[in-house]
């Protein structure tokens, strides 16, 4: 089975490190308009920093979907 080792400071090394930090910052739902605006803004910044790479955008979208699902579960 093939595996990959991301060289320190390479594109994907930085992307995964920053995504981890983004997830840590917003993993817990705070359901206010201001918080959602901040989350969406930070996810857009993340995608833009990686030149709107499809993988980076997909990760940012996945975080937003996770938070939306948390909100739905909380409101049941």
Protein backbone atom coordinates (compact mmCIF):
# COMPACT_ATOMS: atom_id res chain seq x y z
CA UNK A 1 0.00 0.00 0.00
CA UNK A 2 1.35 3.42 -0.93
CA UNK A 3 1.76 6.12 1.64
CA UNK A 4 2.89 9.73 1.61
CA UNK A 5 5.18 11.75 3.79
CA UNK A 6 4.56 15.45 3.49
CA UNK A 7 7.76 17.44 3.63
CA UNK A 8 7.78 20.12 6.29
CA UNK A 9 6.45 23.43 4.93
CA UNK A 10 5.25 21.85 1.68
CA UNK A 11 1.85 22.84 0.30
CA UNK A 12 -0.04 19.92 1.87
CA UNK A 13 1.93 19.97 5.11
CA UNK A 14 0.90 23.61 5.65
CA UNK A 15 -2.65 22.92 4.46
CA UNK A 16 -3.19 20.07 6.94
CA UNK A 17 -1.56 21.98 9.79
CA UNK A 18 -3.74 25.02 9.17
CA UNK A 19 -6.87 22.92 8.75
CA UNK A 20 -6.19 21.24 12.09
CA UNK A 21 -5.93 24.68 13.72
CA UNK A 22 -9.14 25.81 11.99
CA UNK A 23 -10.99 22.75 13.27
CA UNK A 24 -9.72 23.29 16.80
CA UNK A 25 -10.90 26.90 16.76
CA UNK A 26 -14.44 26.17 15.54
CA UNK A 27 -15.18 22.53 16.41
CA UNK A 28 -17.62 23.44 19.19
CA UNK A 29 -20.82 24.97 17.89
CA UNK A 30 -21.66 28.50 19.05
CA UNK A 31 -24.89 29.16 17.25
CA UNK A 32 -24.88 32.93 16.87
CA UNK A 33 -24.97 34.97 13.68
CA UNK A 34 -21.61 36.56 14.51
CA UNK A 35 -19.98 33.18 15.10
CA UNK A 36 -21.33 31.74 11.83
CA UNK A 37 -20.08 34.80 9.91
CA UNK A 38 -16.66 34.31 11.48
CA UNK A 39 -16.59 30.58 10.64
CA UNK A 40 -17.64 31.16 7.04
CA UNK A 41 -15.12 33.99 6.69
CA UNK A 42 -12.26 31.92 8.12
CA UNK A 43 -13.14 28.99 5.85
CA UNK A 44 -13.13 31.29 2.82
CA UNK A 45 -9.77 32.72 3.91
CA UNK A 46 -8.41 29.19 4.30
CA UNK A 47 -9.54 28.23 0.78
CA UNK A 48 -8.17 31.44 -0.71
CA UNK A 49 -4.81 30.98 1.00
CA UNK A 50 -4.50 27.70 -0.89
CA UNK A 51 -5.56 29.29 -4.17
CA UNK A 52 -9.05 27.80 -3.95
CA UNK A 53 -7.53 24.36 -4.45
CA UNK A 54 -10.42 21.88 -4.75
CA UNK A 55 -9.08 19.76 -1.88
CA UNK A 56 -8.67 22.76 0.43
CA UNK A 57 -12.15 24.01 -0.44
CA UNK A 58 -13.55 20.54 0.18
CA UNK A 59 -12.00 20.45 3.65
CA UNK A 60 -13.40 23.88 4.51
CA UNK A 61 -16.82 22.84 3.22
CA UNK A 62 -16.64 19.63 5.26
CA UNK A 63 -16.09 21.63 8.45
CA UNK A 64 -19.09 23.86 7.69
CA UNK A 65 -21.26 20.81 6.93
CA UNK A 66 -20.18 19.19 10.21
CA UNK A 67 -21.18 22.32 12.11
CA UNK A 68 -24.52 22.53 10.26
CA UNK A 69 -25.21 18.89 11.18
CA UNK A 70 -24.33 19.65 14.81
CA UNK A 71 -26.83 22.52 14.72
CA UNK A 72 -29.55 20.26 13.30
CA UNK A 73 -28.90 17.59 15.95
CA UNK A 74 -28.95 20.21 18.69
CA UNK A 75 -32.31 21.61 17.57
CA UNK A 76 -34.10 18.24 17.60
